[in-house]
Amino acid sequence: MKETIRQKVLETKRRIILEEAARIFESEGFAALKIQEIAEKLGMSVGALYNMFGSKEGLYLAYVEDQIRRFQEQLVQACAASPDARACLIHFVRLKFAAFSQKRKAVEDPAGGDPLFFLKTNSRLAETIRPIYDHLAALFAKLHESEPLKERDFLKIAHLFNAFTTGYVEYWLSCEKSLDESPETVVARFLEGMKA
């Protein structure tokens, strides 16, 4: 019983720290912050922060993982309200663009400092991201019933679609353009290349 309570306390503490870290990263960025500054802003010691996350990068990866989980919850909720696969793909793009727009400071530093940032993040967090790919694959399988696609590996299409939409985000970040492309247009362009 004591171990269960201790585990729940640690999980709650971790969730609260990640919520506060999100506010810090999303308002101040990541690269310029020192671990000491982050610890002070979180109201904890550097040692406690290291014990929980291992490093500044470990805290950032935990933040990213938490954001991915939240994104998946939003996507599943949005798609539950709409049985139409194309509409759900549009929800995906809308949510993705909104998430990056709202969190620009949090992704700008790591992405700008490392051109392979998104690829590395995907590989490190593969298990966390997998449910999103599975969800997208199911949407493409459903869409295939009414709009035949030339590729039948729906998980592959999900990965290609994510990469396609990430290309818009990378363009936005690196060229300082606006992320104002209509989600409907993005989905239509992608599907145009995938139709049988």
C-alpha atoms as a PDB file:
ATOM      1  CA  MET A   1       0.000   0.000   0.000  1.00  0.00           C
ATOM      2  CA  LYS A   2       2.799   2.440   0.899  1.00  0.00           C
ATOM      3  CA  GLU A   3       4.518   1.777  -2.439  1.00  0.00           C
ATOM      4  CA  THR A   4       1.286   2.453  -4.364  1.00  0.00           C
ATOM      5  CA  ILE A   5       0.802   5.756  -2.535  1.00  0.00           C
ATOM      6  CA  ARG A   6       4.457   6.700  -3.080  1.00  0.00           C
ATOM      7  CA  GLN A   7       4.141   5.911  -6.812  1.00  0.00           C
ATOM      8  CA  LYS A   8       0.972   8.010  -7.142  1.00  0.00           C
ATOM      9  CA  VAL A   9       2.658  10.926  -5.334  1.00  0.00           C
ATOM     10  CA  LEU A  10       5.651  10.704  -7.708  1.00  0.00           C
ATOM     11  CA  GLU A  11       3.365  10.548 -10.759  1.00  0.00           C
ATOM     12  CA  THR A  12       1.418  13.584  -9.542  1.00  0.00           C
ATOM     13  CA  LYS A  13       4.623  15.500  -8.815  1.00  0.00           C
ATOM     14  CA  ARG A  14       6.002  14.612 -12.261  1.00  0.00           C
ATOM     15  CA  ARG A  15       2.762  15.744 -13.954  1.00  0.00           C
ATOM     16  CA  ILE A  16       2.819  19.079 -12.068  1.00  0.00           C
ATOM     17  CA  ILE A  17       6.498  19.630 -12.931  1.00  0.00           C
ATOM     18  CA  LEU A  18       5.808  18.898 -16.615  1.00  0.00           C
ATOM     19  CA  GLU A  19       2.894  21.364 -16.618  1.00  0.00           C
ATOM     20  CA  GLU A  20       5.148  24.062 -15.175  1.00  0.00           C
ATOM     21  CA  ALA A  21       8.030  23.129 -17.494  1.00  0.00           C
ATOM     22  CA  ALA A  22       5.602  23.468 -20.418  1.00  0.00           C
ATOM     23  CA  ARG A  23       4.823  27.033 -19.383  1.00  0.00           C
ATOM     24  CA  ILE A  24       8.534  27.824 -19.115  1.00  0.00           C
ATOM     25  CA  PHE A  25       9.540  26.243 -22.443  1.00  0.00           C
ATOM     26  CA  GLU A  26       6.547  27.700 -24.273  1.00  0.00           C
ATOM     27  CA  SER A  27       7.175  31.247 -23.038  1.00  0.00           C
ATOM     28  CA  GLU A  28      10.986  31.361 -22.835  1.00  0.00           C
ATOM     29  CA  GLY A  29      12.243  28.638 -25.143  1.00  0.00           C
ATOM     30  CA  PHE A  30      14.707  25.918 -24.277  1.00  0.00           C
ATOM     31  CA  ALA A  31      18.247  26.522 -25.519  1.00  0.00           C
ATOM     32  CA  ALA A  32      19.153  29.635 -23.515  1.00  0.00           C
ATOM     33  CA  LEU A  33      17.825  28.337 -20.197  1.00  0.00           C
ATOM     34  CA  LYS A  34      20.295  26.829 -17.752  1.00  0.00           C
ATOM     35  CA  ILE A  35      19.251  23.863 -15.626  1.00  0.00           C
ATOM     36  CA  GLN A  36      19.693  26.046 -12.521  1.00  0.00           C
ATOM     37  CA  GLU A  37      17.207  28.609 -13.900  1.00  0.00           C
ATOM     38  CA  ILE A  38      14.704  25.891 -14.741  1.00  0.00           C
ATOM     39  CA  ALA A  39      15.027  24.373 -11.253  1.00  0.00           C
ATOM     40  CA  GLU A  40      14.513  27.785  -9.631  1.00  0.00           C
ATOM     41  CA  LYS A  41      11.439  28.485 -11.772  1.00  0.00           C
ATOM     42  CA  LEU A  42      10.072  25.066 -10.814  1.00  0.00           C
ATOM     43  CA  GLY A  43      10.799  25.703  -7.128  1.00  0.00           C
ATOM     44  CA  MET A  44      13.040  22.684  -6.729  1.00  0.00           C
ATOM     45  CA  SER A  45      16.711  21.844  -6.441  1.00  0.00           C
ATOM     46  CA  VAL A  46      18.874  20.979  -9.429  1.00  0.00           C
ATOM     47  CA  GLY A  47      19.581  17.614  -7.790  1.00  0.00           C
ATOM     48  CA  ALA A  48      15.879  16.787  -7.499  1.00  0.00           C
ATOM     49  CA  LEU A  49      15.376  17.771 -11.138  1.00  0.00           C
ATOM     50  CA  TYR A  50      18.292  15.550 -12.208  1.00  0.00           C
ATOM     51  CA  ASN A  51      16.960  12.668 -10.095  1.00  0.00           C
ATOM     52  CA  MET A  52      13.596  12.871 -11.802  1.00  0.00           C
ATOM     53  CA  PHE A  53      14.627  13.564 -15.422  1.00  0.00           C
ATOM     54  CA  GLY A  54      18.372  12.872 -15.663  1.00  0.00           C
ATOM     55  CA  SER A  55      19.267  16.078 -17.515  1.00  0.00           C
ATOM     56  CA  LYS A  56      17.898  19.258 -19.056  1.00  0.00           C
ATOM     57  CA  GLU A  57      17.416  17.310 -22.299  1.00  0.00           C
ATOM     58  CA  GLY A  58      15.666  14.534 -20.362  1.00  0.00           C
ATOM     59  CA  LEU A  59      13.214  17.087 -18.971  1.00  0.00           C
ATOM     60  CA  TYR A  60      12.641  18.445 -22.465  1.00  0.00           C
ATOM     61  CA  LEU A  61      12.026  14.957 -23.884  1.00  0.00           C
ATOM     62  CA  ALA A  62       9.582  14.251 -21.033  1.00  0.00           C
ATOM     63  CA  TYR A  63       7.835  17.531 -21.933  1.00  0.00           C
ATOM     64  CA  VAL A  64       7.638  16.498 -25.605  1.00  0.00           C
ATOM     65  CA  GLU A  65       6.339  13.038 -24.665  1.00  0.00           C
ATOM     66  CA  ASP A  66       3.667  14.615 -22.461  1.00  0.00           C
ATOM     67  CA  GLN A  67       2.646  16.978 -25.266  1.00  0.00           C
ATOM     68  CA  ILE A  68       2.366  14.058 -27.702  1.00  0.00           C
ATOM     69  CA  ARG A  69       0.059  12.220 -25.311  1.00  0.00           C
ATOM     70  CA  ARG A  70      -2.098  15.320 -24.897  1.00  0.00           C
ATOM     71  CA  PHE A  71      -2.181  15.756 -28.681  1.00  0.00           C
ATOM     72  CA  GLN A  72      -3.332  12.161 -29.144  1.00  0.00           C
ATOM     73  CA  GLU A  73      -6.126  12.652 -26.588  1.00  0.00           C
ATOM     74  CA  GLN A  74      -7.302  15.776 -28.441  1.00  0.00           C
ATOM     75  CA  LEU A  75      -7.165  13.968 -31.793  1.00  0.00           C
ATOM     76  CA  VAL A  76      -9.133  10.958 -30.569  1.00  0.00           C
ATOM     77  CA  GLN A  77     -11.711  13.272 -28.993  1.00  0.00           C
ATOM     78  CA  ALA A  78     -12.045  15.362 -32.175  1.00  0.00           C
ATOM     79  CA  CYS A  79     -12.402  12.244 -34.337  1.00  0.00           C
ATOM     80  CA  ALA A  80     -14.961  10.675 -32.023  1.00  0.00           C
ATOM     81  CA  ALA A  81     -17.290  13.537 -32.898  1.00  0.00           C
ATOM     82  CA  SER A  82     -16.810  12.963 -36.643  1.00  0.00           C
ATOM     83  CA  PRO A  83     -17.169   9.592 -38.385  1.00  0.00           C
ATOM     84  CA  ASP A  84     -15.736  10.989 -41.635  1.00  0.00           C
ATOM     85  CA  ALA A  85     -12.084   9.918 -42.195  1.00  0.00           C
ATOM     86  CA  ARG A  86     -11.201  12.956 -44.325  1.00  0.00           C
ATOM     87  CA  ALA A  87     -12.613  15.296 -41.669  1.00  0.00           C
ATOM     88  CA  CYS A  88     -10.505  13.510 -39.051  1.00  0.00           C
ATOM     89  CA  LEU A  89      -7.360  13.981 -41.155  1.00  0.00           C
ATOM     90  CA  ILE A  90      -8.234  17.675 -41.353  1.00  0.00           C
ATOM     91  CA  HIS A  91      -8.606  17.682 -37.550  1.00  0.00           C
ATOM     92  CA  PHE A  92      -5.104  16.165 -37.318  1.00  0.00           C
ATOM     93  CA  VAL A  93      -3.580  18.937 -39.433  1.00  0.00           C
ATOM     94  CA  ARG A  94      -5.536  21.656 -37.607  1.00  0.00           C
ATOM     95  CA  LEU A  95      -4.448  20.336 -34.201  1.00  0.00           C
ATOM     96  CA  LYS A  96      -0.842  19.864 -35.315  1.00  0.00           C
ATOM     97  CA  PHE A  97      -0.545  23.369 -36.747  1.00  0.00           C
ATOM     98  CA  ALA A  98      -2.235  24.877 -33.681  1.00  0.00           C
ATOM     99  CA  ALA A  99       0.040  22.959 -31.313  1.00  0.00           C
ATOM    100  CA  PHE A 100       3.180  24.132 -33.085  1.00  0.00           C
ATOM    101  CA  SER A 101       1.901  27.712 -33.372  1.00  0.00           C
ATOM    102  CA  GLN A 102       1.116  27.852 -29.656  1.00  0.00           C
ATOM    103  CA  LYS A 103       4.425  26.254 -28.711  1.00  0.00           C
ATOM    104  CA  ARG A 104       6.747  27.986 -31.134  1.00  0.00           C
ATOM    105  CA  LYS A 105       9.241  29.064 -28.461  1.00  0.00           C
ATOM    106  CA  ALA A 106       9.404  25.504 -27.137  1.00  0.00           C
ATOM    107  CA  VAL A 107      10.276  23.943 -30.518  1.00  0.00           C
ATOM    108  CA  GLU A 108      12.133  26.811 -32.163  1.00  0.00           C
ATOM    109  CA  ASP A 109      15.424  26.425 -30.265  1.00  0.00           C
ATOM    110  CA  PRO A 110      15.870  22.643 -30.568  1.00  0.00           C
ATOM    111  CA  ALA A 111      14.595  22.547 -34.161  1.00  0.00           C
ATOM    112  CA  GLY A 112      16.682  25.541 -35.222  1.00  0.00           C
ATOM    113  CA  GLY A 113      19.817  24.153 -33.613  1.00  0.00           C
ATOM    114  CA  ASP A 114      19.405  20.699 -35.110  1.00  0.00           C
ATOM    115  CA  PRO A 115      18.043  20.180 -38.633  1.00  0.00           C
ATOM    116  CA  LEU A 116      17.266  16.547 -37.755  1.00  0.00           C
ATOM    117  CA  PHE A 117      15.393  17.467 -34.561  1.00  0.00           C
ATOM    118  CA  PHE A 118      11.994  16.136 -35.666  1.00  0.00           C
ATOM    119  CA  LEU A 119      13.514  12.887 -36.963  1.00  0.00           C
ATOM    120  CA  LYS A 120      15.506  12.315 -33.756  1.00  0.00           C
ATOM    121  CA  THR A 121      12.497  13.127 -31.596  1.00  0.00           C
ATOM    122  CA  ASN A 122      10.351  10.659 -33.552  1.00  0.00           C
ATOM    123  CA  SER A 123      12.896   7.866 -33.124  1.00  0.00           C
ATOM    124  CA  ARG A 124      13.421   8.495 -29.382  1.00  0.00           C
ATOM    125  CA  LEU A 125       9.706   8.693 -28.706  1.00  0.00           C
ATOM    126  CA  ALA A 126       8.570   5.994 -31.131  1.00  0.00           C
ATOM    127  CA  GLU A 127       6.401   4.153 -28.608  1.00  0.00           C
ATOM    128  CA  THR A 128       4.713   7.384 -27.525  1.00  0.00           C
ATOM    129  CA  ILE A 129       4.008   8.430 -31.107  1.00  0.00           C
ATOM    130  CA  ARG A 130       2.908   4.976 -32.291  1.00  0.00           C
ATOM    131  CA  PRO A 131      -0.769   5.357 -31.201  1.00  0.00           C
ATOM    132  CA  ILE A 132      -1.039   8.502 -33.339  1.00  0.00           C
ATOM    133  CA  TYR A 133       0.337   6.637 -36.368  1.00  0.00           C
ATOM    134  CA  ASP A 134      -2.023   3.739 -35.681  1.00  0.00           C
ATOM    135  CA  HIS A 135      -4.942   6.166 -35.471  1.00  0.00           C
ATOM    136  CA  LEU A 136      -3.935   7.818 -38.751  1.00  0.00           C
ATOM    137  CA  ALA A 137      -3.478   4.399 -40.409  1.00  0.00           C
ATOM    138  CA  ALA A 138      -7.018   3.439 -39.378  1.00  0.00           C
ATOM    139  CA  LEU A 139      -8.297   6.706 -40.859  1.00  0.00           C
ATOM    140  CA  PHE A 140      -6.508   6.034 -44.152  1.00  0.00           C
ATOM    141  CA  ALA A 141      -7.893   2.476 -44.220  1.00  0.00           C
ATOM    142  CA  LYS A 142     -11.395   3.865 -43.717  1.00  0.00           C
ATOM    143  CA  LEU A 143     -10.841   6.572 -46.339  1.00  0.00           C
ATOM    144  CA  HIS A 144      -9.593   3.912 -48.783  1.00  0.00           C
ATOM    145  CA  GLU A 145     -13.088   2.351 -48.758  1.00  0.00           C
ATOM    146  CA  SER A 146     -14.609   5.457 -50.372  1.00  0.00           C
ATOM    147  CA  GLU A 147     -11.546   7.053 -52.010  1.00  0.00           C
ATOM    148  CA  PRO A 148      -9.180   4.274 -53.183  1.00  0.00           C
ATOM    149  CA  LEU A 149      -5.515   4.970 -52.450  1.00  0.00           C
ATOM    150  CA  LYS A 150      -2.673   3.532 -54.532  1.00  0.00           C
ATOM    151  CA  GLU A 151      -0.718   2.499 -51.433  1.00  0.00           C
ATOM    152  CA  ARG A 152      -2.329  -0.169 -49.248  1.00  0.00           C
ATOM    153  CA  ASP A 153       0.182  -0.045 -46.391  1.00  0.00           C
ATOM    154  CA  PHE A 154      -1.846   2.389 -44.312  1.00  0.00           C
ATOM    155  CA  LEU A 155       0.794   2.680 -41.590  1.00  0.00           C
ATOM    156  CA  LYS A 156       3.275   3.766 -44.272  1.00  0.00           C
ATOM    157  CA  ILE A 157       0.754   6.355 -45.497  1.00  0.00           C
ATOM    158  CA  ALA A 158       0.367   7.596 -41.907  1.00  0.00           C
ATOM    159  CA  HIS A 159       4.129   8.130 -41.642  1.00  0.00           C
ATOM    160  CA  LEU A 160       4.231   9.867 -45.018  1.00  0.00           C
ATOM    161  CA  PHE A 161       1.323  12.100 -44.014  1.00  0.00           C
ATOM    162  CA  ASN A 162       2.999  13.074 -40.758  1.00  0.00           C
ATOM    163  CA  ALA A 163       6.228  13.870 -42.626  1.00  0.00           C
ATOM    164  CA  PHE A 164       4.271  15.867 -45.210  1.00  0.00           C
ATOM    165  CA  THR A 165       2.604  18.000 -42.528  1.00  0.00           C
ATOM    166  CA  THR A 166       5.890  18.357 -40.624  1.00  0.00           C
ATOM    167  CA  GLY A 167       7.361  19.823 -43.817  1.00  0.00           C
ATOM    168  CA  TYR A 168       4.957  22.751 -43.466  1.00  0.00           C
ATOM    169  CA  VAL A 169       6.096  23.229 -39.859  1.00  0.00           C
ATOM    170  CA  GLU A 170       9.790  23.111 -40.816  1.00  0.00           C
ATOM    171  CA  TYR A 171       9.194  25.661 -43.593  1.00  0.00           C
ATOM    172  CA  TRP A 172       7.354  27.894 -41.124  1.00  0.00           C
ATOM    173  CA  LEU A 173      10.171  27.645 -38.562  1.00  0.00           C
ATOM    174  CA  SER A 174      13.149  27.971 -40.901  1.00  0.00           C
ATOM    175  CA  CYS A 175      11.773  30.588 -43.307  1.00  0.00           C
ATOM    176  CA  GLU A 176       9.871  32.615 -40.708  1.00  0.00           C
ATOM    177  CA  LYS A 177       6.683  32.349 -42.704  1.00  0.00           C
ATOM    178  CA  SER A 178       3.223  31.998 -41.235  1.00  0.00           C
ATOM    179  CA  LEU A 179       1.669  28.607 -40.557  1.00  0.00           C
ATOM    180  CA  ASP A 180      -1.605  29.612 -42.134  1.00  0.00           C
ATOM    181  CA  GLU A 181      -2.078  26.946 -44.789  1.00  0.00           C
ATOM    182  CA  SER A 182      -5.628  25.653 -44.647  1.00  0.00           C
ATOM    183  CA  PRO A 183      -5.802  22.109 -43.188  1.00  0.00           C
ATOM    184  CA  GLU A 184      -8.335  21.234 -45.903  1.00  0.00           C
ATOM    185  CA  THR A 185      -5.809  22.261 -48.588  1.00  0.00           C
ATOM    186  CA  VAL A 186      -2.986  20.303 -46.928  1.00  0.00           C
ATOM    187  CA  VAL A 187      -5.078  17.117 -46.777  1.00  0.00           C
ATOM    188  CA  ALA A 188      -6.297  17.579 -50.375  1.00  0.00           C
ATOM    189  CA  ARG A 189      -2.713  18.039 -51.653  1.00  0.00           C
ATOM    190  CA  PHE A 190      -1.528  14.951 -49.830  1.00  0.00           C
ATOM    191  CA  LEU A 191      -4.424  12.789 -50.998  1.00  0.00           C
ATOM    192  CA  GLU A 192      -3.989  14.001 -54.561  1.00  0.00           C
ATOM    193  CA  GLY A 193      -0.633  12.227 -54.655  1.00  0.00           C
ATOM    194  CA  MET A 194      -2.010   9.101 -52.953  1.00  0.00           C
ATOM    195  CA  LYS A 195      -5.091   8.424 -55.078  1.00  0.00           C
ATOM    196  CA  ALA A 196      -5.175   5.276 -57.155  1.00  0.00           C
END
